[in-house]
Amino acid sequence: QVRPAESGGGLVQAGGSLRLSCAASGSAFSINDMGWYRQAPGQQRVLVATITRGGSTKYAESVKGRFTISRDNAKNTVYLQMNSLKPEDTAAYYCHADFPGFTSWGQGNQVTVSS
């Protein structure tokens, strides 16, 4: 099992944008849902957005209209475009790739939004 490779993230001012990428290894036909969860200090890990292999998406209410998830099945890569960022979006963002029988998690990428 190979951990998905994440990139993107960093420090941005409120109202700014960032883009996260996550590439998973394995056959494109073996990966079902992909997406991100996030975890702020002292809080539980919560869903941000997920996308199925067919392109159906699901978002947390707090990010609807600001974040867009997309996926390139040929590259086993999922993207999260984050616009109009708010200080409350500050968290470690974890990519996940759902394989039959198990979920593989990325190492986490810190996103910090300053006010």
N, C-alpha and C. Protein backbone atom coordinates (compact mmCIF):
# COMPACT_ATOMS: atom_id res chain seq x y z
N GLN A 1 0.85 -1.18 0.00
CA GLN A 1 0.00 0.00 0.00
C GLN A 1 0.89 1.23 0.00
N VAL A 2 0.74 2.09 -1.00
CA VAL A 2 1.56 3.29 -1.12
C VAL A 2 0.71 4.49 -0.74
N ARG A 3 1.26 5.33 0.13
CA ARG A 3 0.55 6.52 0.58
C ARG A 3 0.38 7.49 -0.57
N PRO A 4 -0.82 8.07 -0.77
CA PRO A 4 -0.99 9.08 -1.81
C PRO A 4 -0.05 10.26 -1.59
N ALA A 5 0.45 10.82 -2.67
CA ALA A 5 1.38 11.95 -2.60
C ALA A 5 0.63 13.25 -2.76
N GLU A 6 0.71 14.10 -1.74
CA GLU A 6 0.00 15.37 -1.72
C GLU A 6 0.96 16.51 -2.07
N SER A 7 0.41 17.57 -2.63
CA SER A 7 1.16 18.80 -2.87
C SER A 7 0.20 19.98 -2.78
N GLY A 8 0.77 21.16 -2.66
CA GLY A 8 -0.03 22.37 -2.50
C GLY A 8 -0.10 22.75 -1.03
N GLY A 9 -1.03 23.60 -0.70
CA GLY A 9 -1.14 24.07 0.68
C GLY A 9 -0.17 25.21 0.95
N GLY A 10 -0.14 25.67 2.21
CA GLY A 10 0.74 26.76 2.59
C GLY A 10 -0.01 27.85 3.33
N LEU A 11 0.56 29.04 3.29
CA LEU A 11 0.02 30.19 4.01
C LEU A 11 -0.57 31.18 3.02
N VAL A 12 -1.78 31.65 3.29
CA VAL A 12 -2.44 32.60 2.42
C VAL A 12 -3.28 33.56 3.26
N GLN A 13 -3.50 34.75 2.76
CA GLN A 13 -4.36 35.70 3.45
C GLN A 13 -5.82 35.38 3.19
N ALA A 14 -6.67 35.80 4.10
CA ALA A 14 -8.10 35.60 3.93
C ALA A 14 -8.56 36.20 2.60
N GLY A 15 -9.42 35.46 1.92
CA GLY A 15 -9.88 35.87 0.59
C GLY A 15 -9.04 35.32 -0.55
N GLY A 16 -7.91 34.74 -0.22
CA GLY A 16 -7.03 34.20 -1.23
C GLY A 16 -7.41 32.79 -1.67
N SER A 17 -6.56 32.21 -2.52
CA SER A 17 -6.83 30.90 -3.09
C SER A 17 -5.62 29.99 -2.96
N LEU A 18 -5.89 28.71 -2.88
CA LEU A 18 -4.86 27.68 -2.91
C LEU A 18 -5.40 26.48 -3.66
N ARG A 19 -4.49 25.66 -4.16
CA ARG A 19 -4.88 24.44 -4.86
C ARG A 19 -4.10 23.26 -4.29
N LEU A 20 -4.83 22.23 -3.91
CA LEU A 20 -4.23 21.00 -3.43
C LEU A 20 -4.30 19.93 -4.51
N SER A 21 -3.26 19.11 -4.58
CA SER A 21 -3.24 17.98 -5.50
C SER A 21 -2.89 16.72 -4.73
N CYS A 22 -3.39 15.60 -5.21
CA CYS A 22 -3.11 14.32 -4.56
C CYS A 22 -3.08 13.24 -5.62
N ALA A 23 -1.96 12.53 -5.71
CA ALA A 23 -1.79 11.47 -6.70
C ALA A 23 -1.67 10.13 -5.98
N ALA A 24 -2.51 9.19 -6.38
CA ALA A 24 -2.49 7.85 -5.78
C ALA A 24 -1.93 6.85 -6.78
N SER A 25 -1.21 5.87 -6.30
CA SER A 25 -0.69 4.84 -7.18
C SER A 25 -1.68 3.69 -7.26
N GLY A 26 -1.59 2.89 -8.31
CA GLY A 26 -2.48 1.77 -8.48
C GLY A 26 -3.29 1.91 -9.74
N SER A 27 -4.03 0.88 -10.07
CA SER A 27 -4.85 0.89 -11.27
C SER A 27 -5.99 1.89 -11.11
N ALA A 28 -6.24 2.65 -12.17
CA ALA A 28 -7.32 3.64 -12.14
C ALA A 28 -8.65 2.96 -11.87
N PHE A 29 -8.78 1.71 -12.28
CA PHE A 29 -10.06 1.01 -12.11
C PHE A 29 -10.23 0.48 -10.70
N SER A 30 -9.19 0.56 -9.87
CA SER A 30 -9.30 0.03 -8.51
C SER A 30 -9.61 1.10 -7.49
N ILE A 31 -9.57 2.37 -7.89
CA ILE A 31 -9.81 3.46 -6.94
C ILE A 31 -11.24 3.94 -7.08
N ASN A 32 -11.97 3.94 -6.00
CA ASN A 32 -13.34 4.43 -6.01
C ASN A 32 -13.34 5.92 -5.68
N ASP A 33 -13.81 6.28 -4.51
CA ASP A 33 -13.85 7.69 -4.14
C ASP A 33 -12.46 8.22 -3.81
N MET A 34 -12.24 9.50 -4.09
CA MET A 34 -11.05 10.22 -3.66
C MET A 34 -11.50 11.57 -3.11
N GLY A 35 -10.65 12.17 -2.28
CA GLY A 35 -11.02 13.49 -1.78
C GLY A 35 -10.19 13.91 -0.59
N TRP A 36 -10.74 14.83 0.20
CA TRP A 36 -10.03 15.39 1.35
C TRP A 36 -10.91 15.46 2.60
N TYR A 37 -10.22 15.25 3.71
CA TYR A 37 -10.74 15.58 5.01
C TYR A 37 -9.80 16.63 5.60
N ARG A 38 -10.22 17.31 6.64
CA ARG A 38 -9.32 18.24 7.31
C ARG A 38 -9.47 18.12 8.81
N GLN A 39 -8.40 18.50 9.50
CA GLN A 39 -8.38 18.41 10.95
C GLN A 39 -7.69 19.62 11.52
N ALA A 40 -8.44 20.40 12.30
CA ALA A 40 -7.88 21.55 13.01
C ALA A 40 -7.39 21.08 14.38
N PRO A 41 -6.47 21.81 15.00
CA PRO A 41 -5.94 21.40 16.31
C PRO A 41 -7.06 21.21 17.34
N GLY A 42 -7.03 20.08 18.01
CA GLY A 42 -8.02 19.80 19.04
C GLY A 42 -9.38 19.39 18.53
N GLN A 43 -9.51 19.21 17.22
CA GLN A 43 -10.81 18.85 16.64
C GLN A 43 -10.70 17.53 15.89
N GLN A 44 -11.86 16.95 15.58
CA GLN A 44 -11.90 15.71 14.83
C GLN A 44 -11.65 15.97 13.34
N ARG A 45 -11.22 14.93 12.67
CA ARG A 45 -11.05 15.00 11.21
C ARG A 45 -12.44 14.97 10.58
N VAL A 46 -12.70 15.92 9.69
CA VAL A 46 -14.03 16.04 9.07
C VAL A 46 -13.91 16.10 7.55
N LEU A 47 -14.98 15.71 6.90
CA LEU A 47 -15.04 15.70 5.45
C LEU A 47 -14.98 17.12 4.89
N VAL A 48 -14.18 17.30 3.83
CA VAL A 48 -14.19 18.56 3.08
C VAL A 48 -14.92 18.35 1.76
N ALA A 49 -14.43 17.40 0.97
CA ALA A 49 -15.04 17.12 -0.33
C ALA A 49 -14.57 15.76 -0.83
N THR A 50 -15.46 15.07 -1.52
CA THR A 50 -15.09 13.81 -2.15
C THR A 50 -15.66 13.77 -3.56
N ILE A 51 -15.07 12.90 -4.39
CA ILE A 51 -15.52 12.74 -5.76
C ILE A 51 -15.42 11.27 -6.13
N THR A 52 -16.44 10.75 -6.79
CA THR A 52 -16.43 9.36 -7.22
C THR A 52 -15.67 9.24 -8.53
N ARG A 53 -15.41 8.00 -8.92
CA ARG A 53 -14.72 7.78 -10.19
C ARG A 53 -15.55 8.31 -11.35
N GLY A 54 -16.85 8.32 -11.19
CA GLY A 54 -17.73 8.83 -12.24
C GLY A 54 -17.90 10.35 -12.21
N GLY A 55 -17.35 11.01 -11.20
CA GLY A 55 -17.40 12.47 -11.17
C GLY A 55 -18.46 13.08 -10.27
N SER A 56 -19.19 12.26 -9.53
CA SER A 56 -20.16 12.81 -8.59
C SER A 56 -19.42 13.38 -7.38
N THR A 57 -19.87 14.53 -6.92
CA THR A 57 -19.16 15.23 -5.85
C THR A 57 -20.03 15.41 -4.61
N LYS A 58 -19.34 15.57 -3.48
CA LYS A 58 -19.99 15.85 -2.20
C LYS A 58 -19.11 16.83 -1.46
N TYR A 59 -19.75 17.87 -0.88
CA TYR A 59 -19.01 18.91 -0.17
C TYR A 59 -19.57 19.12 1.23
N ALA A 60 -18.69 19.53 2.13
CA ALA A 60 -19.15 20.02 3.42
C ALA A 60 -19.89 21.32 3.20
N GLU A 61 -20.93 21.57 4.00
CA GLU A 61 -21.70 22.79 3.84
C GLU A 61 -20.83 24.04 3.95
N SER A 62 -19.83 23.98 4.80
CA SER A 62 -19.01 25.15 5.07
C SER A 62 -18.13 25.56 3.89
N VAL A 63 -17.96 24.68 2.90
CA VAL A 63 -17.08 25.01 1.76
C VAL A 63 -17.83 25.10 0.44
N LYS A 64 -19.11 24.79 0.44
CA LYS A 64 -19.89 24.86 -0.79
C LYS A 64 -19.84 26.26 -1.39
N GLY A 65 -19.62 26.32 -2.70
CA GLY A 65 -19.55 27.60 -3.39
C GLY A 65 -18.17 28.23 -3.37
N ARG A 66 -17.26 27.70 -2.54
CA ARG A 66 -15.91 28.25 -2.45
C ARG A 66 -14.86 27.24 -2.92
N PHE A 67 -15.08 25.96 -2.64
CA PHE A 67 -14.12 24.91 -3.00
C PHE A 67 -14.68 24.10 -4.17
N THR A 68 -13.78 23.65 -5.04
CA THR A 68 -14.17 22.80 -6.15
C THR A 68 -13.22 21.60 -6.22
N ILE A 69 -13.81 20.41 -6.21
CA ILE A 69 -13.01 19.19 -6.32
C ILE A 69 -13.13 18.66 -7.75
N SER A 70 -12.01 18.17 -8.28
CA SER A 70 -12.00 17.58 -9.62
C SER A 70 -11.04 16.40 -9.62
N ARG A 71 -11.10 15.64 -10.70
CA ARG A 71 -10.34 14.37 -10.71
C ARG A 71 -9.91 14.03 -12.12
N ASP A 72 -8.70 13.51 -12.23
CA ASP A 72 -8.17 12.99 -13.50
C ASP A 72 -7.94 11.50 -13.30
N ASN A 73 -8.85 10.68 -13.78
CA ASN A 73 -8.75 9.24 -13.56
C ASN A 73 -7.52 8.63 -14.24
N ALA A 74 -7.13 9.18 -15.37
CA ALA A 74 -5.96 8.63 -16.08
C ALA A 74 -4.69 8.80 -15.26
N LYS A 75 -4.66 9.83 -14.41
CA LYS A 75 -3.48 10.10 -13.58
C LYS A 75 -3.69 9.71 -12.12
N ASN A 76 -4.86 9.14 -11.80
CA ASN A 76 -5.19 8.82 -10.40
C ASN A 76 -4.97 10.02 -9.50
N THR A 77 -5.33 11.19 -9.97
CA THR A 77 -5.06 12.43 -9.25
C THR A 77 -6.36 13.19 -8.99
N VAL A 78 -6.44 13.73 -7.80
CA VAL A 78 -7.59 14.55 -7.42
C VAL A 78 -7.08 15.94 -7.03
N TYR A 79 -7.88 16.95 -7.34
CA TYR A 79 -7.51 18.34 -7.08
C TYR A 79 -8.58 19.01 -6.23
N LEU A 80 -8.14 19.95 -5.40
CA LEU A 80 -9.07 20.75 -4.63
C LEU A 80 -8.70 22.22 -4.81
N GLN A 81 -9.53 22.93 -5.56
CA GLN A 81 -9.34 24.36 -5.73
C GLN A 81 -10.09 25.07 -4.62
N MET A 82 -9.37 25.85 -3.82
CA MET A 82 -9.95 26.52 -2.67
C MET A 82 -9.89 28.02 -2.89
N ASN A 83 -11.05 28.64 -3.02
CA ASN A 83 -11.15 30.08 -3.22
C ASN A 83 -11.83 30.74 -2.02
N SER A 84 -11.70 32.05 -1.94
CA SER A 84 -12.33 32.82 -0.86
C SER A 84 -12.04 32.19 0.50
N LEU A 85 -10.79 31.88 0.73
CA LEU A 85 -10.40 31.19 1.96
C LEU A 85 -10.65 32.06 3.19
N LYS A 86 -11.03 31.40 4.27
CA LYS A 86 -11.33 32.05 5.54
C LYS A 86 -10.39 31.52 6.63
N PRO A 87 -10.16 32.29 7.67
CA PRO A 87 -9.31 31.78 8.77
C PRO A 87 -9.80 30.44 9.32
N GLU A 88 -11.10 30.22 9.32
CA GLU A 88 -11.63 28.96 9.84
C GLU A 88 -11.35 27.77 8.92
N ASP A 89 -10.80 28.02 7.74
CA ASP A 89 -10.37 26.92 6.88
C ASP A 89 -8.99 26.39 7.27
N THR A 90 -8.33 27.06 8.21
CA THR A 90 -7.02 26.63 8.67
C THR A 90 -7.09 25.25 9.28
N ALA A 91 -6.27 24.33 8.76
CA ALA A 91 -6.27 22.94 9.22
C ALA A 91 -5.21 22.16 8.46
N ALA A 92 -4.98 20.94 8.91
CA ALA A 92 -4.21 19.99 8.12
C ALA A 92 -5.19 19.26 7.20
N TYR A 93 -4.89 19.23 5.91
CA TYR A 93 -5.77 18.61 4.93
C TYR A 93 -5.19 17.25 4.53
N TYR A 94 -6.02 16.21 4.65
CA TYR A 94 -5.58 14.85 4.37
C TYR A 94 -6.32 14.30 3.15
N CYS A 95 -5.56 13.88 2.16
CA CYS A 95 -6.14 13.25 0.97
C CYS A 95 -6.46 11.79 1.28
N HIS A 96 -7.53 11.27 0.69
CA HIS A 96 -7.83 9.85 0.81
C HIS A 96 -8.16 9.26 -0.55
N ALA A 97 -7.82 7.99 -0.70
CA ALA A 97 -8.15 7.23 -1.90
C ALA A 97 -8.77 5.92 -1.44
N ASP A 98 -10.00 5.66 -1.86
CA ASP A 98 -10.71 4.47 -1.43
C ASP A 98 -10.52 3.33 -2.42
N PHE A 99 -9.80 2.31 -1.99
CA PHE A 99 -9.60 1.08 -2.76
C PHE A 99 -10.59 0.03 -2.24
N PRO A 100 -10.84 -1.01 -3.02
CA PRO A 100 -11.71 -2.08 -2.50
C PRO A 100 -11.14 -2.68 -1.22
N GLY A 101 -11.82 -2.51 -0.13
CA GLY A 101 -11.40 -3.12 1.13
C GLY A 101 -10.57 -2.24 2.03
N PHE A 102 -10.04 -1.13 1.56
CA PHE A 102 -9.25 -0.26 2.43
C PHE A 102 -9.18 1.14 1.86
N THR A 103 -8.84 2.09 2.78
CA THR A 103 -8.64 3.49 2.40
C THR A 103 -7.20 3.87 2.66
N SER A 104 -6.58 4.51 1.69
CA SER A 104 -5.21 4.97 1.82
C SER A 104 -5.22 6.48 2.07
N TRP A 105 -4.44 6.95 3.04
CA TRP A 105 -4.41 8.36 3.43
C TRP A 105 -3.07 9.00 3.10
N GLY A 106 -3.11 10.27 2.68
CA GLY A 106 -1.90 11.03 2.50
C GLY A 106 -1.33 11.47 3.83
N GLN A 107 -0.15 12.10 3.78
CA GLN A 107 0.56 12.47 5.00
C GLN A 107 -0.01 13.73 5.64
N GLY A 108 -0.83 14.46 4.91
CA GLY A 108 -1.40 15.69 5.43
C GLY A 108 -0.63 16.91 4.95
N ASN A 109 -1.36 17.95 4.60
CA ASN A 109 -0.77 19.21 4.15
C ASN A 109 -1.39 20.34 4.94
N GLN A 110 -0.55 21.20 5.50
CA GLN A 110 -1.07 22.31 6.32
C GLN A 110 -1.54 23.46 5.43
N VAL A 111 -2.73 23.93 5.70
CA VAL A 111 -3.28 25.14 5.08
C VAL A 111 -3.53 26.14 6.21
N THR A 112 -2.91 27.30 6.10
CA THR A 112 -3.07 28.34 7.12
C THR A 112 -3.57 29.61 6.44
N VAL A 113 -4.71 30.12 6.93
CA VAL A 113 -5.31 31.33 6.37
C VAL A 113 -5.23 32.42 7.43
N SER A 114 -4.52 33.49 7.12
CA SER A 114 -4.37 34.59 8.07
C SER A 114 -5.46 35.63 7.85
N SER A 115 -5.86 36.27 8.93
CA SER A 115 -6.93 37.28 8.84
C SER A 115 -6.36 38.66 8.55
